[in-house]
Amino acid sequence: MELSEFLEVSTLLDYYKNLLSDKQREYLVNHFEEDLSLSEIAKNNNVSRQAVYDNIKRGIKLLKEYEEKLGFYEKDRELYGKLKELRDNFKVEKLDNILDSYFS
């Protein structure tokens, strides 16, 4: 897995981990947040490495599907970009537009 995909999955996990099954959440958190290998996770849970791999693979797929449907991460990135632009070139009208687009 490339670094960019690793970072994306880690971020999506922050947003959507509570929507995963207990095992998927546990395995993904172990792997992406606690940096455990698949073998370590398998040993800790008395399951095969393949079972861990399959659960992680399904969990990643679900995280991406949740983002595709709900879009919370993308909305936050969009808001962050607008706020950075506002910081660099503040105008009350821009602030009002941002507030209206998100809270109206």
Protein backbone atom coordinates (compact mmCIF):
# COMPACT_ATOMS: atom_id res chain seq x y z
CA MET A 1 0.00 0.00 0.00
CA GLU A 2 1.38 3.39 -0.98
CA LEU A 3 1.74 6.17 1.57
CA SER A 4 -1.03 8.28 0.02
CA GLU A 5 -3.52 5.39 0.25
CA PHE A 6 -2.36 4.61 3.80
CA LEU A 7 -2.99 8.23 4.81
CA GLU A 8 -6.38 8.26 3.09
CA VAL A 9 -7.50 5.09 4.86
CA SER A 10 -6.23 6.39 8.21
CA THR A 11 -8.20 9.60 7.75
CA LEU A 12 -11.35 7.80 6.64
CA LEU A 13 -11.00 5.52 9.65
CA ASP A 14 -11.19 8.59 11.91
CA TYR A 15 -14.43 9.62 10.24
CA TYR A 16 -16.22 6.31 9.82
CA LYS A 17 -14.75 3.66 12.16
CA ASN A 18 -17.89 3.55 14.29
CA LEU A 19 -19.85 2.34 11.25
CA LEU A 20 -17.67 -0.77 10.88
CA SER A 21 -18.19 -4.12 12.57
CA ASP A 22 -16.32 -4.59 15.84
CA LYS A 23 -13.73 -6.90 14.26
CA GLN A 24 -13.16 -4.69 11.22
CA ARG A 25 -12.75 -1.65 13.45
CA GLU A 26 -10.39 -3.51 15.78
CA TYR A 27 -8.23 -4.85 12.95
CA LEU A 28 -8.10 -1.53 11.10
CA VAL A 29 -7.24 0.42 14.25
CA ASN A 30 -4.56 -2.14 15.13
CA HIS A 31 -3.06 -1.94 11.66
CA PHE A 32 -3.39 1.75 10.79
CA GLU A 33 -3.24 3.47 14.18
CA GLU A 34 -1.18 1.08 16.27
CA ASP A 35 1.03 -0.03 13.37
CA LEU A 36 0.68 -3.75 14.04
CA SER A 37 1.45 -6.20 11.25
CA LEU A 38 -1.19 -8.58 9.95
CA SER A 39 0.66 -11.44 11.64
CA GLU A 40 0.67 -9.64 14.99
CA ILE A 41 -3.05 -8.90 14.74
CA ALA A 42 -3.75 -12.53 13.78
CA LYS A 43 -1.73 -13.84 16.72
CA ASN A 44 -3.42 -11.46 19.18
CA ASN A 45 -6.87 -12.59 17.99
CA ASN A 46 -6.18 -16.30 17.45
CA VAL A 47 -7.17 -16.11 13.78
CA SER A 48 -5.32 -16.64 10.54
CA ARG A 49 -3.38 -13.88 8.84
CA GLN A 50 -5.72 -14.36 5.86
CA ALA A 51 -8.77 -13.67 8.07
CA VAL A 52 -7.19 -10.42 9.24
CA TYR A 53 -6.27 -9.47 5.66
CA ASP A 54 -9.82 -10.18 4.42
CA ASN A 55 -11.41 -8.16 7.22
CA ILE A 56 -9.07 -5.23 6.63
CA LYS A 57 -9.70 -5.35 2.88
CA ARG A 58 -13.49 -5.35 3.41
CA GLY A 59 -13.17 -2.58 6.00
CA ILE A 60 -11.19 -0.37 3.61
CA LYS A 61 -13.78 -0.94 0.91
CA LEU A 62 -16.55 0.05 3.32
CA LEU A 63 -14.70 3.19 4.44
CA LYS A 64 -14.39 4.30 0.82
CA GLU A 65 -18.06 3.54 0.17
CA TYR A 66 -19.09 5.55 3.23
CA GLU A 67 -17.03 8.51 2.04
CA GLU A 68 -18.50 8.21 -1.44
CA LYS A 69 -22.03 8.26 -0.02
CA LEU A 70 -21.62 10.67 2.91
CA GLY A 71 -18.66 12.79 1.84
CA PHE A 72 -17.75 14.14 5.29
CA TYR A 73 -14.01 14.09 4.65
CA GLU A 74 -14.35 15.85 1.29
CA LYS A 75 -16.63 18.50 2.80
CA ASP A 76 -14.13 19.14 5.57
CA ARG A 77 -11.28 19.43 3.04
CA GLU A 78 -13.35 21.88 1.00
CA LEU A 79 -14.14 23.97 4.09
CA TYR A 80 -10.47 23.92 5.12
CA GLY A 81 -9.48 25.26 1.69
CA LYS A 82 -12.05 28.04 1.88
CA LEU A 83 -10.92 29.01 5.37
CA LYS A 84 -7.27 29.13 4.29
CA GLU A 85 -8.24 31.37 1.39
CA LEU A 86 -10.27 33.55 3.77
CA ARG A 87 -7.30 33.83 6.12
CA ASP A 88 -5.11 35.07 3.26
CA ASN A 89 -7.69 37.51 1.89
CA PHE A 90 -10.28 38.29 4.53
CA LYS A 91 -13.52 39.92 3.53
CA VAL A 92 -16.72 39.80 5.54
CA GLU A 93 -18.62 38.87 2.37
CA LYS A 94 -16.45 35.77 1.90
CA LEU A 95 -17.05 34.74 5.49
CA ASP A 96 -20.79 35.23 5.05
CA ASN A 97 -20.72 33.10 1.88
CA ILE A 98 -18.90 30.29 3.66
CA LEU A 99 -21.29 30.40 6.59
CA ASP A 100 -24.31 30.45 4.28
CA SER A 101 -23.07 27.54 2.20
CA TYR A 102 -22.51 25.32 5.23
CA PHE A 103 -25.14 26.37 7.71
CA SER A 104 -28.16 27.54 5.73
